[in-house]
Amino acid sequence: MITKTSAEAQNQFGQLLDTVQREPVVITRHGRVAAVVVSPRDMEELEAARKARRSKIAAAWETWRKKAKKSMKSAAKELTDEEVVRLVHELR
């Protein structure tokens, strides 16, 4: 991955746009990473991966929730979210 300072990125903006079509470019400011510039194609892939990960997490959470609900005692099923939060705080 190529790294450029913010001043270099400003002064060579056209070249920067060409470079990001091939690989991401890290932009630093005062020696710290300030941004990473990627091509639209790379960004679409990142967004698709993020969406897939969120869907997978949501599915896993729903599976866990259903299993937990089946194993709950009837008294626990009747608790509201607020009551659960209160009980957790009391136990701390």
C-alpha atoms as a PDB file:
ATOM      1  CA  MET A   1       0.000   0.000   0.000  1.00  0.00           C
ATOM      2  CA  ILE A   2       1.327   3.402  -0.919  1.00  0.00           C
ATOM      3  CA  THR A   3       1.510   6.156   1.704  1.00  0.00           C
ATOM      4  CA  LYS A   4       1.404   9.874   0.935  1.00  0.00           C
ATOM      5  CA  THR A   5       1.319  12.919   3.153  1.00  0.00           C
ATOM      6  CA  SER A   6      -1.730  15.152   2.941  1.00  0.00           C
ATOM      7  CA  ALA A   7       0.388  17.802   1.179  1.00  0.00           C
ATOM      8  CA  GLU A   8       1.541  15.243  -1.423  1.00  0.00           C
ATOM      9  CA  ALA A   9      -2.049  14.107  -1.934  1.00  0.00           C
ATOM     10  CA  GLN A  10      -3.163  17.691  -2.535  1.00  0.00           C
ATOM     11  CA  ASN A  11      -0.316  18.501  -4.891  1.00  0.00           C
ATOM     12  CA  GLN A  12      -0.625  15.234  -6.841  1.00  0.00           C
ATOM     13  CA  PHE A  13      -4.374  14.735  -6.713  1.00  0.00           C
ATOM     14  CA  GLY A  14      -4.728  13.576 -10.329  1.00  0.00           C
ATOM     15  CA  GLN A  15      -1.990  11.006  -9.821  1.00  0.00           C
ATOM     16  CA  LEU A  16      -3.629   9.938  -6.557  1.00  0.00           C
ATOM     17  CA  LEU A  17      -6.905   9.248  -8.376  1.00  0.00           C
ATOM     18  CA  ASP A  18      -5.064   7.101 -10.923  1.00  0.00           C
ATOM     19  CA  THR A  19      -3.149   5.204  -8.234  1.00  0.00           C
ATOM     20  CA  VAL A  20      -6.234   4.269  -6.201  1.00  0.00           C
ATOM     21  CA  GLN A  21      -7.635   2.465  -9.219  1.00  0.00           C
ATOM     22  CA  ARG A  22      -4.793  -0.057  -8.735  1.00  0.00           C
ATOM     23  CA  GLU A  23      -4.348  -0.063  -4.952  1.00  0.00           C
ATOM     24  CA  PRO A  24      -5.465   1.808  -1.832  1.00  0.00           C
ATOM     25  CA  VAL A  25      -3.446   4.851  -0.763  1.00  0.00           C
ATOM     26  CA  VAL A  26      -2.894   5.829   2.874  1.00  0.00           C
ATOM     27  CA  ILE A  27      -2.924   9.574   3.524  1.00  0.00           C
ATOM     28  CA  THR A  28      -1.032  10.775   6.594  1.00  0.00           C
ATOM     29  CA  ARG A  29      -1.207  14.063   8.421  1.00  0.00           C
ATOM     30  CA  HIS A  30       1.365  14.991  11.041  1.00  0.00           C
ATOM     31  CA  GLY A  31       2.709  11.441  10.853  1.00  0.00           C
ATOM     32  CA  ARG A  32      -0.623   9.754  11.599  1.00  0.00           C
ATOM     33  CA  VAL A  33      -3.012   7.987   9.258  1.00  0.00           C
ATOM     34  CA  ALA A  34      -5.777  10.440   8.386  1.00  0.00           C
ATOM     35  CA  ALA A  35      -7.499   8.563   5.560  1.00  0.00           C
ATOM     36  CA  VAL A  36      -7.330   5.648   3.183  1.00  0.00           C
ATOM     37  CA  VAL A  37      -8.443   6.330  -0.376  1.00  0.00           C
ATOM     38  CA  VAL A  38      -9.844   3.395  -2.327  1.00  0.00           C
ATOM     39  CA  SER A  39     -11.436   2.876  -5.723  1.00  0.00           C
ATOM     40  CA  PRO A  40     -15.224   2.719  -6.039  1.00  0.00           C
ATOM     41  CA  ARG A  41     -14.911  -1.004  -6.841  1.00  0.00           C
ATOM     42  CA  ASP A  42     -12.942  -1.652  -3.650  1.00  0.00           C
ATOM     43  CA  MET A  43     -15.466   0.377  -1.659  1.00  0.00           C
ATOM     44  CA  GLU A  44     -18.363  -1.663  -3.066  1.00  0.00           C
ATOM     45  CA  GLU A  45     -16.550  -4.864  -2.042  1.00  0.00           C
ATOM     46  CA  LEU A  46     -15.955  -3.493   1.470  1.00  0.00           C
ATOM     47  CA  GLU A  47     -19.587  -2.488   1.833  1.00  0.00           C
ATOM     48  CA  ALA A  48     -20.775  -5.894   0.579  1.00  0.00           C
ATOM     49  CA  ALA A  49     -18.480  -7.655   3.063  1.00  0.00           C
ATOM     50  CA  ARG A  50     -19.762  -5.453   5.900  1.00  0.00           C
ATOM     51  CA  LYS A  51     -23.379  -6.160   4.929  1.00  0.00           C
ATOM     52  CA  ALA A  52     -22.712  -9.919   4.777  1.00  0.00           C
ATOM     53  CA  ARG A  53     -21.024  -9.830   8.188  1.00  0.00           C
ATOM     54  CA  ARG A  54     -23.963  -7.935   9.713  1.00  0.00           C
ATOM     55  CA  SER A  55     -26.428 -10.436   8.244  1.00  0.00           C
ATOM     56  CA  LYS A  56     -24.402 -13.328   9.620  1.00  0.00           C
ATOM     57  CA  ILE A  57     -24.252 -11.736  13.074  1.00  0.00           C
ATOM     58  CA  ALA A  58     -27.990 -11.004  13.012  1.00  0.00           C
ATOM     59  CA  ALA A  59     -28.760 -14.621  12.056  1.00  0.00           C
ATOM     60  CA  ALA A  60     -26.502 -15.963  14.813  1.00  0.00           C
ATOM     61  CA  TRP A  61     -28.104 -13.628  17.356  1.00  0.00           C
ATOM     62  CA  GLU A  62     -31.597 -14.712  16.318  1.00  0.00           C
ATOM     63  CA  THR A  63     -30.605 -18.398  16.617  1.00  0.00           C
ATOM     64  CA  TRP A  64     -29.178 -17.773  20.082  1.00  0.00           C
ATOM     65  CA  ARG A  65     -32.275 -15.797  21.116  1.00  0.00           C
ATOM     66  CA  LYS A  66     -34.614 -18.631  20.089  1.00  0.00           C
ATOM     67  CA  LYS A  67     -32.520 -21.231  21.953  1.00  0.00           C
ATOM     68  CA  ALA A  68     -32.354 -19.033  25.051  1.00  0.00           C
ATOM     69  CA  LYS A  69     -36.094 -18.465  25.007  1.00  0.00           C
ATOM     70  CA  LYS A  70     -36.765 -22.216  24.866  1.00  0.00           C
ATOM     71  CA  SER A  71     -34.549 -22.852  27.886  1.00  0.00           C
ATOM     72  CA  MET A  72     -35.992 -20.006  29.994  1.00  0.00           C
ATOM     73  CA  LYS A  73     -38.181 -20.678  32.962  1.00  0.00           C
ATOM     74  CA  SER A  74     -41.660 -19.186  32.731  1.00  0.00           C
ATOM     75  CA  ALA A  75     -40.894 -16.492  35.333  1.00  0.00           C
ATOM     76  CA  ALA A  76     -37.938 -15.260  33.281  1.00  0.00           C
ATOM     77  CA  LYS A  77     -40.039 -15.068  30.116  1.00  0.00           C
ATOM     78  CA  GLU A  78     -42.321 -12.546  31.814  1.00  0.00           C
ATOM     79  CA  LEU A  79     -39.526 -10.078  32.716  1.00  0.00           C
ATOM     80  CA  THR A  80     -39.383  -6.815  30.796  1.00  0.00           C
ATOM     81  CA  ASP A  81     -36.110  -5.395  29.472  1.00  0.00           C
ATOM     82  CA  GLU A  82     -36.194  -2.726  32.173  1.00  0.00           C
ATOM     83  CA  GLU A  83     -36.539  -5.370  34.898  1.00  0.00           C
ATOM     84  CA  VAL A  84     -33.603  -7.335  33.497  1.00  0.00           C
ATOM     85  CA  VAL A  85     -31.430  -4.204  33.435  1.00  0.00           C
ATOM     86  CA  ARG A  86     -32.440  -3.380  37.026  1.00  0.00           C
ATOM     87  CA  LEU A  87     -31.592  -6.912  38.179  1.00  0.00           C
ATOM     88  CA  VAL A  88     -28.208  -6.814  36.474  1.00  0.00           C
ATOM     89  CA  HIS A  89     -27.386  -3.500  38.175  1.00  0.00           C
ATOM     90  CA  GLU A  90     -28.464  -4.865  41.536  1.00  0.00           C
ATOM     91  CA  LEU A  91     -26.131  -7.847  41.152  1.00  0.00           C
ATOM     92  CA  ARG A  92     -23.133  -5.625  40.406  1.00  0.00           C
END
